[in-house]
Amino acid sequence: MDVQGIGRLLLFFGALLLIIGVILLIAGKIPLLGRLPGDLVFRNNRVTVVVPIVTMLLISLVLTILLNLFFRLFR
């Protein structure tokens, strides 16, 4: 791999990290994210365990649709 290829790869990963960071900042402001019906919450005296099954399925579905559209447009 030449220097230009490494530069493009670093730019790609930098942009990816930027997008993930923005999504994480916005995710806290989405009202029902992590509290959908089907998300499991186990509470004990000191420990709370959250398993957001439905939220993970919803995010997976949205990302699958977006990535399929992206790869079809740029193929």
N, C-alpha and C. Protein backbone atom coordinates (compact mmCIF):
# COMPACT_ATOMS: atom_id res chain seq x y z
N MET A 1 0.85 -1.17 0.00
CA MET A 1 0.00 0.00 0.00
C MET A 1 0.90 1.24 0.00
N ASP A 2 0.60 2.17 -0.88
CA ASP A 2 1.41 3.38 -0.96
C ASP A 2 0.95 4.43 0.05
N VAL A 3 1.64 5.54 0.11
CA VAL A 3 1.37 6.58 1.09
C VAL A 3 -0.01 7.20 0.86
N GLN A 4 -0.41 7.36 -0.39
CA GLN A 4 -1.73 7.93 -0.68
C GLN A 4 -2.84 7.00 -0.20
N GLY A 5 -2.65 5.71 -0.35
CA GLY A 5 -3.63 4.75 0.12
C GLY A 5 -3.78 4.79 1.64
N ILE A 6 -2.66 4.89 2.33
CA ILE A 6 -2.71 4.99 3.79
C ILE A 6 -3.39 6.29 4.21
N GLY A 7 -3.10 7.39 3.49
CA GLY A 7 -3.74 8.66 3.78
C GLY A 7 -5.25 8.60 3.61
N ARG A 8 -5.70 7.98 2.54
CA ARG A 8 -7.14 7.82 2.32
C ARG A 8 -7.78 6.96 3.40
N LEU A 9 -7.08 5.90 3.78
CA LEU A 9 -7.59 5.03 4.83
C LEU A 9 -7.71 5.78 6.15
N LEU A 10 -6.72 6.58 6.50
CA LEU A 10 -6.78 7.38 7.73
C LEU A 10 -7.90 8.41 7.67
N LEU A 11 -8.09 9.05 6.52
CA LEU A 11 -9.19 10.00 6.37
C LEU A 11 -10.54 9.31 6.51
N PHE A 12 -10.66 8.12 5.94
CA PHE A 12 -11.91 7.36 6.05
C PHE A 12 -12.21 7.03 7.50
N PHE A 13 -11.22 6.51 8.22
CA PHE A 13 -11.46 6.15 9.62
C PHE A 13 -11.69 7.38 10.49
N GLY A 14 -11.03 8.48 10.17
CA GLY A 14 -11.28 9.73 10.90
C GLY A 14 -12.70 10.22 10.69
N ALA A 15 -13.19 10.16 9.46
CA ALA A 15 -14.57 10.56 9.17
C ALA A 15 -15.55 9.62 9.86
N LEU A 16 -15.22 8.33 9.86
CA LEU A 16 -16.08 7.35 10.52
C LEU A 16 -16.17 7.63 12.03
N LEU A 17 -15.04 7.93 12.66
CA LEU A 17 -15.04 8.26 14.08
C LEU A 17 -15.82 9.54 14.36
N LEU A 18 -15.72 10.51 13.47
CA LEU A 18 -16.47 11.75 13.62
C LEU A 18 -17.98 11.48 13.55
N ILE A 19 -18.39 10.68 12.60
CA ILE A 19 -19.81 10.35 12.46
C ILE A 19 -20.31 9.59 13.68
N ILE A 20 -19.54 8.63 14.15
CA ILE A 20 -19.94 7.86 15.34
C ILE A 20 -20.03 8.78 16.55
N GLY A 21 -19.09 9.71 16.70
CA GLY A 21 -19.13 10.65 17.81
C GLY A 21 -20.36 11.53 17.78
N VAL A 22 -20.72 12.02 16.61
CA VAL A 22 -21.93 12.85 16.48
C VAL A 22 -23.17 12.04 16.80
N ILE A 23 -23.22 10.81 16.34
CA ILE A 23 -24.36 9.94 16.64
C ILE A 23 -24.48 9.70 18.14
N LEU A 24 -23.36 9.48 18.81
CA LEU A 24 -23.40 9.25 20.25
C LEU A 24 -23.84 10.50 21.00
N LEU A 25 -23.46 11.68 20.52
CA LEU A 25 -23.91 12.92 21.15
C LEU A 25 -25.41 13.11 20.97
N ILE A 26 -25.91 12.78 19.79
CA ILE A 26 -27.33 12.96 19.50
C ILE A 26 -28.18 11.87 20.14
N ALA A 27 -27.62 10.68 20.32
CA ALA A 27 -28.39 9.53 20.81
C ALA A 27 -29.03 9.77 22.17
N GLY A 28 -28.38 10.55 23.01
CA GLY A 28 -28.95 10.83 24.33
C GLY A 28 -30.18 11.70 24.27
N LYS A 29 -30.38 12.40 23.18
CA LYS A 29 -31.52 13.30 23.05
C LYS A 29 -32.70 12.67 22.33
N ILE A 30 -32.54 11.46 21.80
CA ILE A 30 -33.65 10.75 21.17
C ILE A 30 -34.51 10.16 22.29
N PRO A 31 -35.81 10.50 22.33
CA PRO A 31 -36.63 10.22 23.51
C PRO A 31 -36.71 8.75 23.95
N LEU A 32 -37.00 7.84 23.06
CA LEU A 32 -37.26 6.46 23.49
C LEU A 32 -36.08 5.51 23.29
N LEU A 33 -34.95 6.02 22.84
CA LEU A 33 -33.82 5.15 22.56
C LEU A 33 -33.34 4.49 23.84
N GLY A 34 -33.39 3.17 23.88
CA GLY A 34 -32.98 2.42 25.07
C GLY A 34 -34.11 2.14 26.04
N ARG A 35 -35.29 2.68 25.76
CA ARG A 35 -36.44 2.45 26.63
C ARG A 35 -37.66 1.99 25.84
N LEU A 36 -37.42 1.25 24.79
CA LEU A 36 -38.52 0.74 23.98
C LEU A 36 -39.12 -0.50 24.64
N PRO A 37 -40.38 -0.82 24.32
CA PRO A 37 -40.95 -2.07 24.83
C PRO A 37 -40.13 -3.25 24.28
N GLY A 38 -39.74 -4.13 25.14
CA GLY A 38 -38.90 -5.26 24.75
C GLY A 38 -37.46 -5.09 25.19
N ASP A 39 -37.07 -3.89 25.59
CA ASP A 39 -35.74 -3.68 26.18
C ASP A 39 -35.80 -4.15 27.63
N LEU A 40 -34.86 -4.99 28.01
CA LEU A 40 -34.88 -5.59 29.34
C LEU A 40 -34.06 -4.76 30.32
N VAL A 41 -34.63 -4.54 31.51
CA VAL A 41 -33.93 -3.82 32.58
C VAL A 41 -34.04 -4.65 33.84
N PHE A 42 -32.89 -5.02 34.39
CA PHE A 42 -32.83 -5.78 35.63
C PHE A 42 -32.23 -4.89 36.70
N ARG A 43 -32.95 -4.69 37.80
CA ARG A 43 -32.45 -3.83 38.87
C ARG A 43 -32.30 -4.65 40.15
N ASN A 44 -31.20 -4.44 40.82
CA ASN A 44 -30.93 -5.02 42.10
C ASN A 44 -30.63 -3.86 43.05
N ASN A 45 -30.25 -4.14 44.26
CA ASN A 45 -29.95 -3.06 45.20
C ASN A 45 -28.87 -2.12 44.69
N ARG A 46 -27.78 -2.67 44.18
CA ARG A 46 -26.64 -1.86 43.76
C ARG A 46 -26.40 -1.89 42.26
N VAL A 47 -26.98 -2.82 41.56
CA VAL A 47 -26.64 -3.05 40.16
C VAL A 47 -27.88 -2.91 39.27
N THR A 48 -27.71 -2.22 38.16
CA THR A 48 -28.74 -2.14 37.14
C THR A 48 -28.14 -2.63 35.83
N VAL A 49 -28.79 -3.61 35.21
CA VAL A 49 -28.33 -4.15 33.94
C VAL A 49 -29.40 -3.86 32.90
N VAL A 50 -29.00 -3.21 31.81
CA VAL A 50 -29.93 -2.87 30.73
C VAL A 50 -29.52 -3.65 29.49
N VAL A 51 -30.47 -4.38 28.90
CA VAL A 51 -30.23 -5.12 27.66
C VAL A 51 -31.22 -4.60 26.63
N PRO A 52 -30.81 -3.64 25.80
CA PRO A 52 -31.73 -3.00 24.85
C PRO A 52 -31.91 -3.81 23.57
N ILE A 53 -32.61 -4.93 23.67
CA ILE A 53 -32.76 -5.85 22.54
C ILE A 53 -33.50 -5.18 21.37
N VAL A 54 -34.65 -4.58 21.63
CA VAL A 54 -35.44 -3.97 20.57
C VAL A 54 -34.72 -2.76 19.98
N THR A 55 -34.06 -2.00 20.82
CA THR A 55 -33.30 -0.85 20.33
C THR A 55 -32.18 -1.30 19.40
N MET A 56 -31.47 -2.38 19.77
CA MET A 56 -30.40 -2.89 18.92
C MET A 56 -30.96 -3.39 17.59
N LEU A 57 -32.11 -4.06 17.62
CA LEU A 57 -32.73 -4.54 16.38
C LEU A 57 -33.13 -3.37 15.48
N LEU A 58 -33.69 -2.33 16.07
CA LEU A 58 -34.11 -1.16 15.31
C LEU A 58 -32.91 -0.44 14.69
N ILE A 59 -31.85 -0.26 15.45
CA ILE A 59 -30.64 0.38 14.93
C ILE A 59 -30.03 -0.48 13.82
N SER A 60 -30.02 -1.80 14.01
CA SER A 60 -29.49 -2.70 13.00
C SER A 60 -30.29 -2.61 11.71
N LEU A 61 -31.59 -2.54 11.81
CA LEU A 61 -32.45 -2.43 10.63
C LEU A 61 -32.19 -1.12 9.88
N VAL A 62 -32.12 -0.02 10.62
CA VAL A 62 -31.88 1.29 10.00
C VAL A 62 -30.51 1.33 9.33
N LEU A 63 -29.48 0.83 10.01
CA LEU A 63 -28.13 0.83 9.43
C LEU A 63 -28.04 -0.09 8.21
N THR A 64 -28.74 -1.21 8.24
CA THR A 64 -28.74 -2.12 7.10
C THR A 64 -29.36 -1.44 5.88
N ILE A 65 -30.47 -0.76 6.08
CA ILE A 65 -31.13 -0.06 4.97
C ILE A 65 -30.24 1.06 4.44
N LEU A 66 -29.65 1.86 5.34
CA LEU A 66 -28.79 2.96 4.91
C LEU A 66 -27.55 2.46 4.17
N LEU A 67 -26.92 1.42 4.69
CA LEU A 67 -25.71 0.91 4.03
C LEU A 67 -26.03 0.28 2.69
N ASN A 68 -27.17 -0.42 2.58
CA ASN A 68 -27.57 -0.97 1.29
C ASN A 68 -27.81 0.13 0.27
N LEU A 69 -28.48 1.20 0.67
CA LEU A 69 -28.69 2.33 -0.24
C LEU A 69 -27.38 2.98 -0.62
N PHE A 70 -26.48 3.15 0.35
CA PHE A 70 -25.19 3.76 0.08
C PHE A 70 -24.38 2.93 -0.93
N PHE A 71 -24.32 1.62 -0.73
CA PHE A 71 -23.52 0.78 -1.62
C PHE A 71 -24.16 0.62 -2.99
N ARG A 72 -25.48 0.71 -3.08
CA ARG A 72 -26.13 0.67 -4.39
C ARG A 72 -25.90 1.95 -5.18
N LEU A 73 -25.85 3.09 -4.48
CA LEU A 73 -25.62 4.36 -5.16
C LEU A 73 -24.20 4.49 -5.66
N PHE A 74 -23.22 3.97 -4.91
CA PHE A 74 -21.82 4.14 -5.26
C PHE A 74 -21.19 2.87 -5.81
N ARG A 75 -21.97 2.05 -6.49
CA ARG A 75 -21.44 0.83 -7.07
C ARG A 75 -21.12 1.03 -8.50
